[in-house]
């Protein structure tokens, strides 16, 4: 497989979005780390993420959205606690776990009835999601067990020839994965600080 290295121009983000729509894989920057994205609504696309990373399929993925309205399309209910967190922390490095709708394939959620969702703050990530016209499932863009990538060069070194494209944007700002909070329980629980 030849991996396309794309500068983050409007034209190239559209090329990357087309790859997502065609169920391919694209690495892209977020404010936390580089993510490896695929169409969150297509099981075959999601399996490509697991294969490229060597990631066990019992490890759920985070679904990235570009606006709050998209959340209603993939989760059953948005409780008040979620709305409060969303209003305060989105877009940004907060992932919220909620009960999922059936349109999210089980492979995304490791057969759980919940889905982890976040809205990144990075402009490149948001444009890619918007132009893809679908939610994007995206764990960190690295081989499992390796450190999460903060530069496009890290992704190129690790996943070249394993994925369809890499958007070579600037280094990420945070360098740590998003906080994950589970709101499917009566008492919310932080799963990842």
N, C-alpha and C. Protein backbone atom coordinates (compact mmCIF):
# COMPACT_ATOMS: atom_id res chain seq x y z
N UNK A 1 0.84 -1.18 0.00
CA UNK A 1 0.00 0.00 0.00
C UNK A 1 0.89 1.25 0.00
N UNK A 2 0.56 2.18 -0.87
CA UNK A 2 1.29 3.45 -0.92
C UNK A 2 0.55 4.46 -0.04
N UNK A 3 1.20 5.00 0.96
CA UNK A 3 0.59 5.99 1.85
C UNK A 3 0.80 7.39 1.28
N UNK A 4 -0.29 8.13 1.09
CA UNK A 4 -0.20 9.51 0.61
C UNK A 4 0.15 10.40 1.80
N UNK A 5 1.13 11.28 1.60
CA UNK A 5 1.47 12.28 2.61
C UNK A 5 0.89 13.60 2.12
N UNK A 6 -0.06 14.15 2.86
CA UNK A 6 -0.82 15.31 2.41
C UNK A 6 -0.56 16.52 3.30
N UNK A 7 -0.24 17.65 2.69
CA UNK A 7 -0.19 18.91 3.44
C UNK A 7 -1.64 19.31 3.75
N UNK A 8 -1.86 20.04 4.85
CA UNK A 8 -3.23 20.33 5.26
C UNK A 8 -3.89 21.49 4.49
N UNK A 9 -3.93 21.39 3.17
CA UNK A 9 -4.63 22.37 2.35
C UNK A 9 -6.09 21.95 2.22
N UNK A 10 -6.96 22.87 1.82
CA UNK A 10 -8.38 22.53 1.62
C UNK A 10 -8.53 21.38 0.63
N UNK A 11 -7.78 21.45 -0.46
CA UNK A 11 -7.86 20.41 -1.48
C UNK A 11 -7.43 19.05 -0.92
N UNK A 12 -6.34 19.02 -0.17
CA UNK A 12 -5.85 17.76 0.39
C UNK A 12 -6.75 17.22 1.49
N UNK A 13 -7.37 18.10 2.27
CA UNK A 13 -8.32 17.63 3.28
C UNK A 13 -9.52 17.00 2.59
N UNK A 14 -9.92 17.54 1.45
CA UNK A 14 -11.00 16.92 0.67
C UNK A 14 -10.58 15.55 0.15
N UNK A 15 -9.33 15.42 -0.28
CA UNK A 15 -8.81 14.11 -0.73
C UNK A 15 -8.87 13.12 0.43
N UNK A 16 -8.44 13.56 1.62
CA UNK A 16 -8.47 12.69 2.81
C UNK A 16 -9.90 12.33 3.18
N UNK A 17 -10.81 13.28 3.07
CA UNK A 17 -12.23 13.02 3.38
C UNK A 17 -12.81 11.99 2.41
N UNK A 18 -12.41 12.07 1.15
CA UNK A 18 -12.87 11.08 0.17
C UNK A 18 -12.37 9.69 0.54
N UNK A 19 -11.12 9.61 1.02
CA UNK A 19 -10.58 8.32 1.47
C UNK A 19 -11.43 7.78 2.62
N UNK A 20 -11.81 8.64 3.56
CA UNK A 20 -12.67 8.21 4.68
C UNK A 20 -14.02 7.74 4.14
N UNK A 21 -14.62 8.51 3.23
CA UNK A 21 -15.92 8.12 2.66
C UNK A 21 -15.84 6.78 1.92
N UNK A 22 -14.65 6.48 1.35
CA UNK A 22 -14.46 5.21 0.64
C UNK A 22 -13.95 4.11 1.57
N UNK A 23 -14.06 4.36 2.87
CA UNK A 23 -13.73 3.39 3.92
C UNK A 23 -12.24 3.06 4.00
N UNK A 24 -11.41 4.08 3.72
CA UNK A 24 -9.97 3.96 3.91
C UNK A 24 -9.56 4.52 5.27
N UNK A 25 -8.24 4.60 5.48
CA UNK A 25 -7.70 5.08 6.76
C UNK A 25 -6.83 6.32 6.55
N UNK A 26 -7.00 7.29 7.44
CA UNK A 26 -6.26 8.55 7.35
C UNK A 26 -5.77 8.94 8.73
N UNK A 27 -4.48 9.23 8.85
CA UNK A 27 -3.94 9.77 10.10
C UNK A 27 -4.02 11.29 10.03
N UNK A 28 -4.40 11.91 11.13
CA UNK A 28 -4.59 13.36 11.15
C UNK A 28 -4.28 13.91 12.54
N UNK A 29 -3.89 15.20 12.60
CA UNK A 29 -3.59 15.79 13.91
C UNK A 29 -4.87 16.17 14.66
N UNK A 30 -4.84 16.01 15.95
CA UNK A 30 -5.85 16.61 16.83
C UNK A 30 -5.06 17.47 17.81
N UNK A 31 -5.72 18.07 18.77
CA UNK A 31 -4.97 18.86 19.75
C UNK A 31 -4.25 17.97 20.77
N UNK A 32 -4.63 16.70 20.84
CA UNK A 32 -4.03 15.80 21.82
C UNK A 32 -2.86 15.03 21.22
N UNK A 33 -3.15 14.11 20.29
CA UNK A 33 -2.13 13.34 19.57
C UNK A 33 -2.62 13.15 18.13
N UNK A 34 -1.80 12.59 17.27
CA UNK A 34 -2.26 12.24 15.93
C UNK A 34 -3.19 11.03 16.05
N UNK A 35 -4.31 11.09 15.32
CA UNK A 35 -5.26 9.99 15.34
C UNK A 35 -5.23 9.24 14.02
N UNK A 36 -5.64 7.97 14.07
CA UNK A 36 -5.77 7.15 12.87
C UNK A 36 -7.26 6.92 12.64
N UNK A 37 -7.81 7.61 11.63
CA UNK A 37 -9.25 7.64 11.46
C UNK A 37 -9.77 6.77 10.34
N UNK A 38 -11.03 6.34 10.53
CA UNK A 38 -11.79 5.63 9.52
C UNK A 38 -13.27 5.90 9.77
N UNK A 39 -14.08 5.61 8.77
CA UNK A 39 -15.54 5.80 8.86
C UNK A 39 -16.08 5.01 10.05
N UNK A 40 -16.61 5.71 11.03
CA UNK A 40 -17.10 5.07 12.26
C UNK A 40 -18.37 4.26 12.03
N UNK A 41 -18.98 4.38 10.86
CA UNK A 41 -20.22 3.67 10.58
C UNK A 41 -20.02 2.43 9.71
N UNK A 42 -18.76 2.11 9.39
CA UNK A 42 -18.48 0.99 8.50
C UNK A 42 -17.52 -0.01 9.16
N UNK A 43 -18.00 -1.22 9.34
CA UNK A 43 -17.23 -2.26 10.04
C UNK A 43 -15.91 -2.59 9.32
N UNK A 44 -15.95 -2.69 8.00
CA UNK A 44 -14.72 -3.02 7.25
C UNK A 44 -13.67 -1.93 7.42
N UNK A 45 -14.10 -0.67 7.39
CA UNK A 45 -13.18 0.45 7.58
C UNK A 45 -12.53 0.39 8.97
N UNK A 46 -13.34 0.10 9.97
CA UNK A 46 -12.84 0.05 11.35
C UNK A 46 -11.82 -1.08 11.51
N UNK A 47 -12.07 -2.20 10.88
CA UNK A 47 -11.13 -3.33 10.99
C UNK A 47 -9.76 -2.98 10.43
N UNK A 48 -9.72 -2.05 9.47
CA UNK A 48 -8.43 -1.60 8.93
C UNK A 48 -7.60 -0.86 9.98
N UNK A 49 -8.26 -0.15 10.88
CA UNK A 49 -7.55 0.52 11.98
C UNK A 49 -6.88 -0.52 12.86
N UNK A 50 -7.64 -1.53 13.26
CA UNK A 50 -7.10 -2.56 14.14
C UNK A 50 -5.92 -3.28 13.48
N UNK A 51 -6.05 -3.56 12.19
CA UNK A 51 -4.98 -4.25 11.47
C UNK A 51 -3.72 -3.39 11.39
N UNK A 52 -3.87 -2.12 11.00
CA UNK A 52 -2.70 -1.24 10.86
C UNK A 52 -1.97 -1.05 12.19
N UNK A 53 -2.72 -0.95 13.27
CA UNK A 53 -2.12 -0.70 14.58
C UNK A 53 -1.65 -1.99 15.28
N UNK A 54 -2.20 -3.14 14.84
CA UNK A 54 -1.96 -4.37 15.59
C UNK A 54 -2.66 -4.28 16.94
N UNK A 55 -3.83 -3.64 16.94
CA UNK A 55 -4.57 -3.38 18.17
C UNK A 55 -5.58 -4.49 18.42
N UNK A 56 -5.68 -4.98 19.66
CA UNK A 56 -6.69 -6.00 19.95
C UNK A 56 -8.10 -5.43 19.78
N UNK A 57 -9.00 -6.24 19.23
CA UNK A 57 -10.35 -5.76 18.95
C UNK A 57 -11.23 -5.65 20.19
N UNK A 58 -10.70 -6.02 21.35
CA UNK A 58 -11.48 -5.85 22.58
C UNK A 58 -11.19 -4.49 23.23
N UNK A 59 -10.54 -3.60 22.49
CA UNK A 59 -10.19 -2.27 22.97
C UNK A 59 -11.02 -1.26 22.17
N UNK A 60 -12.07 -0.66 22.78
CA UNK A 60 -12.96 0.23 22.02
C UNK A 60 -12.26 1.47 21.48
N UNK A 61 -12.84 2.05 20.44
CA UNK A 61 -12.31 3.24 19.80
C UNK A 61 -13.13 4.47 20.19
N UNK A 62 -12.52 5.64 20.04
CA UNK A 62 -13.22 6.90 20.27
C UNK A 62 -13.75 7.40 18.92
N UNK A 63 -15.00 7.82 18.92
CA UNK A 63 -15.63 8.37 17.73
C UNK A 63 -15.54 9.90 17.80
N UNK A 64 -15.01 10.50 16.74
CA UNK A 64 -14.84 11.94 16.68
C UNK A 64 -15.93 12.57 15.82
N UNK A 65 -16.51 13.66 16.32
CA UNK A 65 -17.55 14.37 15.59
C UNK A 65 -17.14 15.83 15.42
N UNK A 66 -17.81 16.53 14.49
CA UNK A 66 -17.44 17.92 14.20
C UNK A 66 -18.41 18.94 14.78
N UNK A 67 -19.58 18.48 15.25
CA UNK A 67 -20.52 19.41 15.87
C UNK A 67 -21.41 18.66 16.85
N UNK A 68 -22.03 19.41 17.74
CA UNK A 68 -22.85 18.81 18.80
C UNK A 68 -24.06 18.06 18.24
N UNK A 69 -24.62 18.54 17.14
CA UNK A 69 -25.79 17.88 16.55
C UNK A 69 -25.49 16.44 16.13
N UNK A 70 -24.25 16.18 15.74
CA UNK A 70 -23.86 14.83 15.31
C UNK A 70 -23.97 13.82 16.46
N UNK A 71 -23.85 14.30 17.68
CA UNK A 71 -23.93 13.41 18.83
C UNK A 71 -25.28 12.71 18.89
N UNK A 72 -26.35 13.45 18.59
CA UNK A 72 -27.71 12.89 18.64
C UNK A 72 -27.89 11.74 17.65
N UNK A 73 -27.08 11.74 16.58
CA UNK A 73 -27.20 10.69 15.57
C UNK A 73 -26.59 9.37 16.01
N UNK A 74 -25.70 9.40 17.01
CA UNK A 74 -24.98 8.16 17.37
C UNK A 74 -25.21 7.68 18.80
N UNK A 75 -25.82 8.53 19.65
CA UNK A 75 -26.11 8.09 21.02
C UNK A 75 -27.61 8.12 21.28
N UNK A 76 -28.06 7.27 22.20
CA UNK A 76 -29.49 7.17 22.50
C UNK A 76 -30.01 8.38 23.25
N UNK A 77 -29.21 8.89 24.16
CA UNK A 77 -29.67 9.97 25.03
C UNK A 77 -28.47 10.82 25.43
N UNK A 78 -28.71 12.12 25.59
CA UNK A 78 -27.68 13.03 26.07
C UNK A 78 -28.15 13.58 27.42
N UNK A 79 -27.69 12.96 28.52
CA UNK A 79 -28.15 13.41 29.83
C UNK A 79 -27.64 14.82 30.16
N UNK A 80 -28.28 15.43 31.16
CA UNK A 80 -27.92 16.79 31.56
C UNK A 80 -26.44 16.90 31.91
N UNK A 81 -25.90 15.91 32.61
CA UNK A 81 -24.47 15.94 32.96
C UNK A 81 -23.60 16.03 31.71
N UNK A 82 -23.98 15.29 30.68
CA UNK A 82 -23.22 15.32 29.43
C UNK A 82 -23.32 16.69 28.79
N UNK A 83 -24.53 17.26 28.76
CA UNK A 83 -24.71 18.59 28.17
C UNK A 83 -23.85 19.64 28.88
N UNK A 84 -23.78 19.55 30.19
CA UNK A 84 -22.98 20.50 30.96
C UNK A 84 -21.50 20.36 30.62
N UNK A 85 -21.00 19.13 30.54
CA UNK A 85 -19.60 18.90 30.19
C UNK A 85 -19.31 19.35 28.76
N UNK A 86 -20.22 19.05 27.86
CA UNK A 86 -20.06 19.43 26.46
C UNK A 86 -19.99 20.95 26.32
N UNK A 87 -20.91 21.64 26.99
CA UNK A 87 -20.93 23.11 26.92
C UNK A 87 -19.63 23.72 27.44
N UNK A 88 -19.04 23.08 28.42
CA UNK A 88 -17.83 23.63 29.05
C UNK A 88 -16.53 23.20 28.35
N UNK A 89 -16.48 21.94 27.87
CA UNK A 89 -15.20 21.38 27.41
C UNK A 89 -15.09 21.07 25.92
N UNK A 90 -16.20 21.15 25.17
CA UNK A 90 -16.12 20.85 23.74
C UNK A 90 -16.14 22.12 22.92
N UNK A 91 -15.44 22.22 21.82
CA UNK A 91 -14.46 21.22 21.39
C UNK A 91 -13.25 21.22 22.32
N UNK A 92 -12.66 20.04 22.47
CA UNK A 92 -11.49 19.91 23.33
C UNK A 92 -11.22 18.47 23.71
N UNK A 93 -10.22 18.26 24.57
CA UNK A 93 -9.73 16.91 24.88
C UNK A 93 -10.53 16.17 25.95
N UNK A 94 -11.86 16.15 25.80
CA UNK A 94 -12.72 15.40 26.71
C UNK A 94 -13.54 14.41 25.89
N UNK A 95 -13.45 13.12 26.25
CA UNK A 95 -14.23 12.06 25.62
C UNK A 95 -15.31 11.63 26.60
N UNK A 96 -16.53 11.54 26.11
CA UNK A 96 -17.67 11.19 26.94
C UNK A 96 -18.25 9.85 26.46
N UNK A 97 -18.45 8.93 27.40
CA UNK A 97 -19.03 7.61 27.09
C UNK A 97 -20.52 7.66 27.38
N UNK A 98 -21.32 7.34 26.34
CA UNK A 98 -22.78 7.33 26.44
C UNK A 98 -23.34 6.08 25.78
N UNK A 99 -24.60 5.78 26.01
CA UNK A 99 -25.25 4.64 25.38
C UNK A 99 -25.35 4.89 23.87
N UNK A 100 -24.97 3.89 23.07
CA UNK A 100 -24.90 4.07 21.63
C UNK A 100 -26.18 3.65 20.92
N UNK A 101 -26.36 4.23 19.72
CA UNK A 101 -27.41 3.76 18.82
C UNK A 101 -26.86 2.60 18.00
N UNK A 102 -27.75 1.82 17.40
CA UNK A 102 -27.36 0.63 16.65
C UNK A 102 -26.51 0.92 15.43
N UNK A 103 -26.56 2.15 14.91
CA UNK A 103 -25.80 2.47 13.70
C UNK A 103 -24.30 2.43 13.93
N UNK A 104 -23.85 2.49 15.18
CA UNK A 104 -22.42 2.36 15.49
C UNK A 104 -22.10 0.87 15.56
N UNK A 105 -21.24 0.37 14.67
CA UNK A 105 -20.93 -1.07 14.66
C UNK A 105 -20.29 -1.54 15.97
N UNK A 106 -20.57 -2.78 16.31
CA UNK A 106 -20.04 -3.35 17.56
C UNK A 106 -18.52 -3.38 17.58
N UNK A 107 -17.88 -3.46 16.41
CA UNK A 107 -16.42 -3.51 16.36
C UNK A 107 -15.82 -2.19 16.89
N UNK A 108 -16.54 -1.08 16.75
CA UNK A 108 -16.06 0.21 17.26
C UNK A 108 -16.03 0.19 18.79
N UNK A 109 -17.02 -0.46 19.39
CA UNK A 109 -17.22 -0.39 20.84
C UNK A 109 -16.81 -1.66 21.58
N UNK A 110 -16.14 -2.58 20.89
CA UNK A 110 -15.75 -3.86 21.50
C UNK A 110 -16.98 -4.57 22.09
N UNK A 111 -18.07 -4.54 21.34
CA UNK A 111 -19.33 -5.19 21.71
C UNK A 111 -20.03 -4.58 22.92
N UNK A 112 -19.61 -3.41 23.35
CA UNK A 112 -20.29 -2.74 24.46
C UNK A 112 -21.52 -2.01 23.93
N UNK A 113 -22.46 -1.68 24.82
CA UNK A 113 -23.65 -0.94 24.40
C UNK A 113 -23.46 0.57 24.54
N UNK A 114 -22.21 0.97 24.73
CA UNK A 114 -21.89 2.39 24.87
C UNK A 114 -20.82 2.76 23.85
N UNK A 115 -20.70 4.07 23.61
CA UNK A 115 -19.69 4.57 22.67
C UNK A 115 -19.00 5.78 23.28
N UNK A 116 -17.69 5.88 23.05
CA UNK A 116 -16.90 7.02 23.52
C UNK A 116 -16.86 8.05 22.38
N UNK A 117 -17.22 9.30 22.71
CA UNK A 117 -17.33 10.34 21.68
C UNK A 117 -16.61 11.61 22.14
N UNK A 118 -15.95 12.27 21.19
CA UNK A 118 -15.40 13.59 21.48
C UNK A 118 -15.42 14.47 20.25
N UNK A 119 -15.34 15.78 20.49
CA UNK A 119 -15.25 16.76 19.42
C UNK A 119 -13.89 17.44 19.57
N UNK A 120 -12.94 17.15 18.67
CA UNK A 120 -11.61 17.74 18.79
C UNK A 120 -11.63 19.24 18.54
N UNK A 121 -10.61 19.91 19.05
CA UNK A 121 -10.50 21.36 18.88
C UNK A 121 -9.66 21.72 17.66
N UNK A 122 -8.85 20.79 17.18
CA UNK A 122 -7.95 21.03 16.06
C UNK A 122 -8.73 21.32 14.78
N UNK A 123 -8.38 22.41 14.09
CA UNK A 123 -9.11 22.83 12.88
C UNK A 123 -9.00 21.82 11.75
N UNK A 124 -7.83 21.20 11.61
CA UNK A 124 -7.65 20.19 10.55
C UNK A 124 -8.56 19.00 10.80
N UNK A 125 -8.58 18.53 12.05
CA UNK A 125 -9.44 17.40 12.41
C UNK A 125 -10.91 17.73 12.16
N UNK A 126 -11.34 18.91 12.58
CA UNK A 126 -12.74 19.30 12.40
C UNK A 126 -13.11 19.38 10.92
N UNK A 127 -12.22 19.94 10.10
CA UNK A 127 -12.48 20.04 8.66
C UNK A 127 -12.58 18.66 8.02
N UNK A 128 -11.68 17.76 8.43
CA UNK A 128 -11.71 16.40 7.89
C UNK A 128 -13.04 15.72 8.23
N UNK A 129 -13.48 15.85 9.46
CA UNK A 129 -14.74 15.22 9.87
C UNK A 129 -15.91 15.84 9.09
N UNK A 130 -15.93 17.17 9.00
CA UNK A 130 -17.01 17.85 8.27
C UNK A 130 -17.06 17.41 6.81
N UNK A 131 -15.89 17.41 6.16
CA UNK A 131 -15.85 17.06 4.74
C UNK A 131 -16.12 15.57 4.50
N UNK A 132 -15.84 14.75 5.49
CA UNK A 132 -16.13 13.31 5.37
C UNK A 132 -17.63 13.04 5.44
N UNK A 133 -18.35 13.93 6.11
CA UNK A 133 -19.80 13.81 6.27
C UNK A 133 -20.21 12.56 7.04
N UNK A 134 -19.36 12.16 7.96
CA UNK A 134 -19.65 11.03 8.83
C UNK A 134 -18.73 11.10 10.05
N UNK A 135 -19.13 10.48 11.15
CA UNK A 135 -18.23 10.44 12.31
C UNK A 135 -17.00 9.60 11.99
N UNK A 136 -15.89 9.94 12.62
CA UNK A 136 -14.63 9.23 12.37
C UNK A 136 -14.16 8.57 13.66
N UNK A 137 -14.02 7.25 13.62
CA UNK A 137 -13.42 6.53 14.74
C UNK A 137 -11.91 6.69 14.62
N UNK A 138 -11.26 7.07 15.73
CA UNK A 138 -9.82 7.33 15.63
C UNK A 138 -9.10 7.15 16.96
N UNK A 139 -8.38 6.04 17.10
CA UNK A 139 -7.45 5.92 18.21
C UNK A 139 -6.16 6.65 17.82
N UNK A 140 -5.16 6.61 18.65
CA UNK A 140 -3.88 7.24 18.31
C UNK A 140 -3.26 6.54 17.10
N UNK A 141 -2.53 7.30 16.30
CA UNK A 141 -1.97 6.80 15.03
C UNK A 141 -0.59 6.21 15.24
N UNK A 142 -0.55 5.09 15.94
CA UNK A 142 0.71 4.40 16.22
C UNK A 142 0.45 2.90 16.32
N UNK A 143 1.51 2.14 16.19
CA UNK A 143 1.41 0.71 16.45
C UNK A 143 1.11 0.53 17.93
N UNK A 144 0.20 -0.39 18.25
CA UNK A 144 -0.13 -0.63 19.65
C UNK A 144 1.13 -0.90 20.46
N UNK A 145 1.15 -0.39 21.65
CA UNK A 145 2.25 -0.47 22.64
C UNK A 145 3.33 0.59 22.42
N UNK A 146 3.33 1.27 21.27
CA UNK A 146 4.30 2.35 21.06
C UNK A 146 3.72 3.66 21.59
N UNK A 147 4.58 4.66 21.88
CA UNK A 147 4.07 5.95 22.36
C UNK A 147 3.17 6.62 21.33
N UNK A 148 2.19 7.36 21.82
CA UNK A 148 1.27 8.08 20.93
C UNK A 148 2.03 9.18 20.20
N UNK A 149 1.76 9.35 18.90
CA UNK A 149 2.52 10.30 18.09
C UNK A 149 2.08 11.75 18.28
N UNK A 150 3.05 12.62 18.38
CA UNK A 150 2.78 14.05 18.49
C UNK A 150 3.23 14.82 17.25
N UNK A 151 3.88 14.13 16.31
CA UNK A 151 4.35 14.73 15.06
C UNK A 151 3.99 13.81 13.91
N UNK A 152 3.78 14.42 12.75
CA UNK A 152 3.49 13.63 11.55
C UNK A 152 4.63 12.67 11.26
N UNK A 153 5.86 13.09 11.53
CA UNK A 153 7.02 12.23 11.27
C UNK A 153 6.95 10.92 12.06
N UNK A 154 6.40 11.00 13.29
CA UNK A 154 6.23 9.78 14.09
C UNK A 154 5.28 8.80 13.39
N UNK A 155 4.21 9.35 12.84
CA UNK A 155 3.21 8.52 12.15
C UNK A 155 3.81 7.92 10.89
N UNK A 156 4.53 8.75 10.13
CA UNK A 156 5.15 8.26 8.89
C UNK A 156 6.11 7.12 9.19
N UNK A 157 6.92 7.30 10.21
CA UNK A 157 7.90 6.28 10.59
C UNK A 157 7.22 4.97 11.00
N UNK A 158 6.08 5.08 11.67
CA UNK A 158 5.43 3.91 12.24
C UNK A 158 4.41 3.25 11.30
N UNK A 159 3.64 4.04 10.55
CA UNK A 159 2.52 3.48 9.80
C UNK A 159 2.61 3.63 8.28
N UNK A 160 3.73 4.13 7.78
CA UNK A 160 3.88 4.24 6.32
C UNK A 160 3.69 2.87 5.68
N UNK A 161 2.94 2.85 4.60
CA UNK A 161 2.61 1.64 3.84
C UNK A 161 1.59 0.73 4.55
N UNK A 162 1.05 1.19 5.68
CA UNK A 162 0.01 0.43 6.39
C UNK A 162 -1.34 1.12 6.35
N UNK A 163 -1.34 2.43 5.99
CA UNK A 163 -2.58 3.20 5.95
C UNK A 163 -2.64 3.98 4.63
N UNK A 164 -3.80 4.53 4.32
CA UNK A 164 -3.99 5.19 3.02
C UNK A 164 -3.36 6.57 2.94
N UNK A 165 -3.47 7.35 4.02
CA UNK A 165 -2.96 8.72 3.95
C UNK A 165 -2.61 9.26 5.34
N UNK A 166 -1.73 10.26 5.33
CA UNK A 166 -1.36 10.98 6.55
C UNK A 166 -1.45 12.47 6.22
N UNK A 167 -2.23 13.20 7.01
CA UNK A 167 -2.25 14.66 6.87
C UNK A 167 -1.10 15.20 7.71
N UNK A 168 -0.12 15.77 7.04
CA UNK A 168 1.09 16.23 7.73
C UNK A 168 0.88 17.67 8.22
N UNK A 169 0.23 17.78 9.36
CA UNK A 169 -0.03 19.08 9.97
C UNK A 169 1.05 19.43 10.97
N UNK A 170 0.80 20.48 11.75
CA UNK A 170 1.78 20.88 12.76
C UNK A 170 1.80 19.88 13.92
N UNK A 171 2.83 19.99 14.75
CA UNK A 171 2.90 19.17 15.95
C UNK A 171 1.67 19.45 16.81
N UNK A 172 1.23 18.46 17.56
CA UNK A 172 0.04 18.63 18.40
C UNK A 172 0.36 19.50 19.61
N UNK A 173 -0.68 20.07 20.22
CA UNK A 173 -0.50 21.00 21.32
C UNK A 173 -0.39 20.31 22.68
N UNK A 174 -1.20 19.29 22.92
CA UNK A 174 -1.28 18.70 24.26
C UNK A 174 -0.28 17.57 24.44
N UNK A 175 -0.25 16.62 23.51
CA UNK A 175 0.70 15.52 23.61
C UNK A 175 0.25 14.37 24.49
N UNK A 176 -0.95 14.43 25.05
CA UNK A 176 -1.53 13.35 25.85
C UNK A 176 -2.93 13.06 25.32
N UNK A 177 -3.38 11.81 25.47
CA UNK A 177 -4.71 11.45 25.02
C UNK A 177 -5.77 12.19 25.83
N UNK A 178 -6.98 12.25 25.29
CA UNK A 178 -8.08 12.95 25.96
C UNK A 178 -8.49 12.26 27.25
N UNK A 179 -9.06 13.05 28.14
CA UNK A 179 -9.70 12.51 29.34
C UNK A 179 -10.95 11.76 28.89
N UNK A 180 -11.22 10.62 29.52
CA UNK A 180 -12.43 9.84 29.19
C UNK A 180 -13.28 9.72 30.45
N UNK A 181 -14.55 10.14 30.33
CA UNK A 181 -15.49 10.03 31.45
C UNK A 181 -16.70 9.21 31.03
N UNK A 182 -17.07 8.24 31.86
CA UNK A 182 -18.20 7.36 31.58
C UNK A 182 -19.45 7.93 32.24
N UNK A 183 -20.43 8.32 31.43
CA UNK A 183 -21.68 8.85 31.95
C UNK A 183 -22.82 7.85 31.81
N UNK A 184 -22.50 6.58 31.58
CA UNK A 184 -23.55 5.56 31.51
C UNK A 184 -23.89 5.03 32.90
N UNK A 185 -23.13 5.42 33.89
CA UNK A 185 -23.33 4.98 35.27
C UNK A 185 -24.07 6.06 36.06
N UNK A 186 -24.69 5.68 37.19
CA UNK A 186 -25.37 6.68 38.03
C UNK A 186 -24.37 7.72 38.52
N UNK A 187 -23.20 7.24 38.94
CA UNK A 187 -22.14 8.14 39.37
C UNK A 187 -21.09 8.14 38.25
N UNK A 188 -20.86 9.28 37.58
CA UNK A 188 -19.87 9.32 36.51
C UNK A 188 -18.51 8.83 36.98
N UNK A 189 -17.80 8.17 36.06
CA UNK A 189 -16.48 7.63 36.43
C UNK A 189 -15.45 8.03 35.40
N UNK A 190 -14.32 8.54 35.85
CA UNK A 190 -13.23 8.87 34.94
C UNK A 190 -12.49 7.58 34.61
N UNK A 191 -12.48 7.24 33.33
CA UNK A 191 -11.81 6.01 32.87
C UNK A 191 -10.36 6.29 32.49
N UNK A 192 -10.08 7.53 32.07
CA UNK A 192 -8.70 7.93 31.73
C UNK A 192 -8.55 9.40 32.12
N UNK A 193 -7.63 9.68 33.05
CA UNK A 193 -7.46 11.09 33.46
C UNK A 193 -6.83 11.94 32.36
